[in-house]
C-alpha atoms as a PDB file:
ATOM      1  CA  MET A   1     -22.450  -0.420   8.336  1.00  0.00           C
ATOM      2  CA  GLU A   2     -24.146  -1.532   4.809  1.00  0.00           C
ATOM      3  CA  ILE A   3     -22.641  -3.842   2.595  1.00  0.00           C
ATOM      4  CA  GLN A   4     -21.960  -1.540  -0.097  1.00  0.00           C
ATOM      5  CA  GLU A   5     -20.315   0.877   2.381  1.00  0.00           C
ATOM      6  CA  LYS A   6     -18.138  -1.673   3.651  1.00  0.00           C
ATOM      7  CA  MET A   7     -17.046  -2.804   0.110  1.00  0.00           C
ATOM      8  CA  LEU A   8     -16.282   0.679  -0.530  1.00  0.00           C
ATOM      9  CA  ARG A   9     -14.229   1.387   1.958  1.00  0.00           C
ATOM     10  CA  LEU A  10     -12.275  -1.303   1.352  1.00  0.00           C
ATOM     11  CA  LEU A  11     -11.809  -0.388  -2.309  1.00  0.00           C
ATOM     12  CA  VAL A  12     -10.601   2.749  -0.759  1.00  0.00           C
ATOM     13  CA  GLU A  13      -8.088   1.088   1.731  1.00  0.00           C
ATOM     14  CA  LYS A  14      -6.785  -1.253  -1.260  1.00  0.00           C
ATOM     15  CA  GLU A  15      -6.323   1.945  -3.475  1.00  0.00           C
ATOM     16  CA  ILE A  16      -3.782   3.363  -0.802  1.00  0.00           C
ATOM     17  CA  GLU A  17      -2.338   0.451  -0.203  1.00  0.00           C
ATOM     18  CA  ASP A  18      -0.896  -0.262  -3.434  1.00  0.00           C
ATOM     19  CA  LEU A  19      -0.196   3.440  -3.439  1.00  0.00           C
ATOM     20  CA  LEU A  20       2.036   2.830  -0.773  1.00  0.00           C
ATOM     21  CA  TYR A  21       3.528  -0.397  -1.934  1.00  0.00           C
ATOM     22  CA  GLU A  22       4.081   2.098  -5.132  1.00  0.00           C
ATOM     23  CA  TYR A  23       5.913   4.429  -3.315  1.00  0.00           C
ATOM     24  CA  ALA A  24       8.455   1.879  -1.774  1.00  0.00           C
ATOM     25  CA  ARG A  25       8.741   0.079  -5.394  1.00  0.00           C
ATOM     26  CA  LEU A  26       9.774   3.562  -6.966  1.00  0.00           C
ATOM     27  CA  ILE A  27      12.581   4.586  -4.398  1.00  0.00           C
ATOM     28  CA  ASP A  28      13.685   0.881  -4.711  1.00  0.00           C
ATOM     29  CA  GLU A  29      14.228   0.899  -7.918  1.00  0.00           C
ATOM     30  CA  GLN A  30      15.135   4.674  -7.814  1.00  0.00           C
ATOM     31  CA  ARG A  31      12.889   5.699  -9.988  1.00  0.00           C
ATOM     32  CA  TYR A  32      12.917   9.126  -8.470  1.00  0.00           C
ATOM     33  CA  TYR A  33      11.080  10.942 -11.247  1.00  0.00           C
ATOM     34  CA  ASP A  34       8.029   8.527 -11.274  1.00  0.00           C
ATOM     35  CA  TRP A  35       8.312   8.656  -7.098  1.00  0.00           C
ATOM     36  CA  ILE A  36       7.560  12.403  -7.474  1.00  0.00           C
ATOM     37  CA  ASP A  37       4.333  12.132  -9.501  1.00  0.00           C
ATOM     38  CA  LEU A  38       3.137  10.093  -6.400  1.00  0.00           C
ATOM     39  CA  PHE A  39       2.777  13.843  -5.178  1.00  0.00           C
ATOM     40  CA  THR A  40       0.538  16.862  -5.366  1.00  0.00           C
ATOM     41  CA  GLU A  41       1.651  20.004  -6.646  1.00  0.00           C
ATOM     42  CA  ASP A  42       2.142  21.393  -3.489  1.00  0.00           C
ATOM     43  CA  GLY A  43       2.886  18.052  -1.348  1.00  0.00           C
ATOM     44  CA  SER A  44       5.275  17.736   1.425  1.00  0.00           C
ATOM     45  CA  TYR A  45       7.200  15.485   2.146  1.00  0.00           C
ATOM     46  CA  SER A  46       9.466  15.617   6.102  1.00  0.00           C
ATOM     47  CA  ALA A  47      11.177  13.660   8.556  1.00  0.00           C
ATOM     48  CA  ILE A  48      11.264  13.845  11.959  1.00  0.00           C
ATOM     49  CA  THR A  49      13.224  11.455  14.725  1.00  0.00           C
ATOM     50  CA  VAL A  50      10.374  10.062  17.170  1.00  0.00           C
ATOM     51  CA  GLU A  51      12.721  11.893  20.095  1.00  0.00           C
ATOM     52  CA  ASN A  52      12.388  15.260  18.120  1.00  0.00           C
ATOM     53  CA  LEU A  53       8.769  15.374  17.623  1.00  0.00           C
ATOM     54  CA  LYS A  54       8.003  14.396  21.309  1.00  0.00           C
ATOM     55  CA  ASP A  55      10.027  17.535  22.198  1.00  0.00           C
ATOM     56  CA  GLN A  56       8.351  19.595  18.942  1.00  0.00           C
ATOM     57  CA  GLY A  57      12.070  19.768  18.221  1.00  0.00           C
ATOM     58  CA  LEU A  58      13.801  19.955  14.484  1.00  0.00           C
ATOM     59  CA  PHE A  59      12.511  18.272  11.524  1.00  0.00           C
ATOM     60  CA  LEU A  60      15.385  16.427   9.634  1.00  0.00           C
ATOM     61  CA  PHE A  61      13.998  17.356   6.358  1.00  0.00           C
ATOM     62  CA  LYS A  62      11.120  19.212   5.042  1.00  0.00           C
ATOM     63  CA  ASP A  63      10.606  19.642   1.354  1.00  0.00           C
ATOM     64  CA  ASP A  64       7.414  21.388   0.768  1.00  0.00           C
ATOM     65  CA  GLY A  65       6.338  21.850  -3.235  1.00  0.00           C
ATOM     66  CA  LYS A  66       7.714  19.892  -6.226  1.00  0.00           C
ATOM     67  CA  GLU A  67      10.660  22.517  -6.935  1.00  0.00           C
ATOM     68  CA  ALA A  68      11.812  21.040  -3.415  1.00  0.00           C
ATOM     69  CA  LEU A  69      11.129  17.446  -4.155  1.00  0.00           C
ATOM     70  CA  LYS A  70      12.943  17.676  -7.485  1.00  0.00           C
ATOM     71  CA  GLU A  71      16.174  19.410  -5.683  1.00  0.00           C
ATOM     72  CA  ARG A  72      16.238  15.957  -3.386  1.00  0.00           C
ATOM     73  CA  ILE A  73      15.707  13.742  -6.452  1.00  0.00           C
ATOM     74  CA  ALA A  74      18.820  15.679  -7.983  1.00  0.00           C
ATOM     75  CA  TYR A  75      21.118  15.218  -5.002  1.00  0.00           C
ATOM     76  CA  LEU A  76      19.675  11.549  -4.988  1.00  0.00           C
ATOM     77  CA  MET A  77      20.674  11.113  -8.510  1.00  0.00           C
ATOM     78  CA  GLY A  78      24.078  11.343  -8.197  1.00  0.00           C
ATOM     79  CA  TYR A  79      24.711  15.101  -8.908  1.00  0.00           C
ATOM     80  CA  TRP A  80      26.454  15.857  -6.194  1.00  0.00           C
ATOM     81  CA  GLN A  81      27.158  12.063  -4.491  1.00  0.00           C
ATOM     82  CA  VAL A  82      27.567   8.298  -5.870  1.00  0.00           C
ATOM     83  CA  PRO A  83      24.942   6.492  -6.711  1.00  0.00           C
ATOM     84  CA  ARG A  84      23.109   5.144  -4.264  1.00  0.00           C
ATOM     85  CA  SER A  85      23.010   1.367  -2.967  1.00  0.00           C
ATOM     86  CA  PRO A  86      20.129  -0.565  -2.938  1.00  0.00           C
ATOM     87  CA  THR A  87      17.584  -0.531  -0.376  1.00  0.00           C
ATOM     88  CA  LEU A  88      14.596  -2.719   0.404  1.00  0.00           C
ATOM     89  CA  HIS A  89      11.345  -0.791   1.959  1.00  0.00           C
ATOM     90  CA  LEU A  90       8.584  -3.139   3.875  1.00  0.00           C
ATOM     91  CA  VAL A  91       5.460  -1.388   4.191  1.00  0.00           C
ATOM     92  CA  SER A  92       2.938  -2.907   7.194  1.00  0.00           C
ATOM     93  CA  ASN A  93      -0.163  -2.110   9.725  1.00  0.00           C
ATOM     94  CA  LEU A  94      -1.608   0.346   7.407  1.00  0.00           C
ATOM     95  CA  THR A  95      -4.755   2.124   8.892  1.00  0.00           C
ATOM     96  CA  VAL A  96      -7.141   4.131   7.162  1.00  0.00           C
ATOM     97  CA  ASN A  97      -8.863   7.163   8.260  1.00  0.00           C
ATOM     98  CA  GLN A  98     -11.426   8.347   5.072  1.00  0.00           C
ATOM     99  CA  LEU A  99     -12.170  12.109   5.611  1.00  0.00           C
ATOM    100  CA  LYS A 100     -13.699  12.608   2.562  1.00  0.00           C
ATOM    101  CA  GLU A 101     -14.571  11.033  -0.585  1.00  0.00           C
ATOM    102  CA  SER A 102     -11.269  12.344  -2.235  1.00  0.00           C
ATOM    103  CA  GLU A 103      -9.343  13.217   1.173  1.00  0.00           C
ATOM    104  CA  ALA A 104      -7.977  10.309   3.817  1.00  0.00           C
ATOM    105  CA  LYS A 105      -5.480  10.241   6.583  1.00  0.00           C
ATOM    106  CA  CYS A 106      -3.399   6.998   6.687  1.00  0.00           C
ATOM    107  CA  ARG A 107      -1.175   5.610   8.813  1.00  0.00           C
ATOM    108  CA  SER A 108       1.520   2.955   8.214  1.00  0.00           C
ATOM    109  CA  TYR A 109       5.050   1.276   9.479  1.00  0.00           C
ATOM    110  CA  TYR A 110       8.232   1.093   7.960  1.00  0.00           C
ATOM    111  CA  HIS A 111      11.410  -0.521   7.791  1.00  0.00           C
ATOM    112  CA  ILE A 112      14.296   0.068   4.879  1.00  0.00           C
ATOM    113  CA  TYR A 113      17.687  -2.942   4.704  1.00  0.00           C
ATOM    114  CA  ARG A 114      20.044  -1.361   2.681  1.00  0.00           C
ATOM    115  CA  ILE A 115      22.418  -3.942   0.700  1.00  0.00           C
ATOM    116  CA  GLY A 116      25.907  -3.743   1.513  1.00  0.00           C
ATOM    117  CA  GLU A 117      28.862  -3.943  -1.097  1.00  0.00           C
ATOM    118  CA  ASP A 118      28.949  -7.223   0.330  1.00  0.00           C
ATOM    119  CA  GLY A 119      25.694  -8.050  -1.141  1.00  0.00           C
ATOM    120  CA  VAL A 120      24.040  -8.042   2.327  1.00  0.00           C
ATOM    121  CA  PRO A 121      21.051  -6.573   2.899  1.00  0.00           C
ATOM    122  CA  GLN A 122      21.440  -4.553   6.791  1.00  0.00           C
ATOM    123  CA  PHE A 123      19.049  -2.317   8.501  1.00  0.00           C
ATOM    124  CA  TYR A 124      18.359   0.773   8.213  1.00  0.00           C
ATOM    125  CA  SER A 125      15.972   2.493   9.264  1.00  0.00           C
ATOM    126  CA  CYS A 126      12.159   2.219  10.824  1.00  0.00           C
ATOM    127  CA  GLY A 127       9.030   3.973  11.359  1.00  0.00           C
ATOM    128  CA  VAL A 128       6.011   5.361  10.895  1.00  0.00           C
ATOM    129  CA  TYR A 129       4.435   6.955   8.174  1.00  0.00           C
ATOM    130  CA  GLU A 130       2.139   9.530   8.826  1.00  0.00           C
ATOM    131  CA  ASP A 131       0.265  10.776   5.448  1.00  0.00           C
ATOM    132  CA  LEU A 132      -2.552  13.020   3.930  1.00  0.00           C
ATOM    133  CA  LEU A 133      -3.875  11.825   0.935  1.00  0.00           C
ATOM    134  CA  VAL A 134      -5.996  13.255  -1.936  1.00  0.00           C
ATOM    135  CA  LYS A 135      -7.708  11.693  -4.781  1.00  0.00           C
ATOM    136  CA  HIS A 136      -7.249  13.264  -8.334  1.00  0.00           C
ATOM    137  CA  ASP A 137      -8.310  12.544 -11.347  1.00  0.00           C
ATOM    138  CA  GLY A 138      -9.221   9.007 -10.242  1.00  0.00           C
ATOM    139  CA  ARG A 139      -5.642   8.543  -8.272  1.00  0.00           C
ATOM    140  CA  TRP A 140      -4.309   9.063  -4.790  1.00  0.00           C
ATOM    141  CA  ARG A 141      -1.797  11.478  -4.074  1.00  0.00           C
ATOM    142  CA  PHE A 142       0.131  12.325  -1.445  1.00  0.00           C
ATOM    143  CA  ARG A 143      -0.038  15.889  -0.121  1.00  0.00           C
ATOM    144  CA  GLN A 144       1.835  15.447   2.872  1.00  0.00           C
ATOM    145  CA  ARG A 145       4.175  12.649   4.112  1.00  0.00           C
ATOM    146  CA  LYS A 146       5.623  12.769   7.321  1.00  0.00           C
ATOM    147  CA  VAL A 147       7.929  10.028   8.398  1.00  0.00           C
ATOM    148  CA  ILE A 148       8.733   9.673  11.762  1.00  0.00           C
ATOM    149  CA  VAL A 149      11.712   8.197  12.378  1.00  0.00           C
ATOM    150  CA  TYR A 150      12.492   5.081  15.381  1.00  0.00           C
ATOM    151  CA  ASN A 151      16.699   4.910  15.013  1.00  0.00           C
ATOM    152  CA  ASN A 152      17.830   6.615  18.496  1.00  0.00           C
ATOM    153  CA  THR A 153      21.158   6.371  16.166  1.00  0.00           C
ATOM    154  CA  LEU A 154      20.863   7.778  12.746  1.00  0.00           C
ATOM    155  CA  PRO A 155      22.977   5.799   9.871  1.00  0.00           C
ATOM    156  CA  PRO A 156      25.955   7.069   7.914  1.00  0.00           C
ATOM    157  CA  ASN A 157      24.660   8.680   4.878  1.00  0.00           C
ATOM    158  CA  PHE A 158      21.128   9.672   6.112  1.00  0.00           C
ATOM    159  CA  THR A 159      20.405  10.841   2.526  1.00  0.00           C
ATOM    160  CA  GLU A 160      17.820   7.945   1.358  1.00  0.00           C
ATOM    161  CA  LEU A 161      14.205   8.503   0.403  1.00  0.00           C
ATOM    162  CA  LEU A 162      12.022   6.844   3.522  1.00  0.00           C
END
């Protein structure tokens, strides 16, 4: 692999890494309207447990398109329940497989901690992100984000953005 090709690959990986960090930060800051802008108009956001994935089972949720994502945001902003407690998202172990110049698949791990009423962070969820990304107007966006949840027992009020 030529040096120029390696540099371009590192640049793409850095851009995608920045997208994943921005995604986590926007959720933690509860900036949901900014979060939705990280998806394409036809973007899909879903979650499934690892057990259901192995058995081809049911998704915990699957939102297709921005209108469905807007409904999820309305719920999270407290239209149907009280405001959310703070979360801390950690993202690691990113691997990127660039399919085309403007399309890539990636996989990464996540851990989420939720801040309790006592101010102490408590483990909330962990798993894998599987993403299909497209580059539009010079910026990477999620076309598909599938969250594979590795919790055997889901936490109470399991409605957070993962």
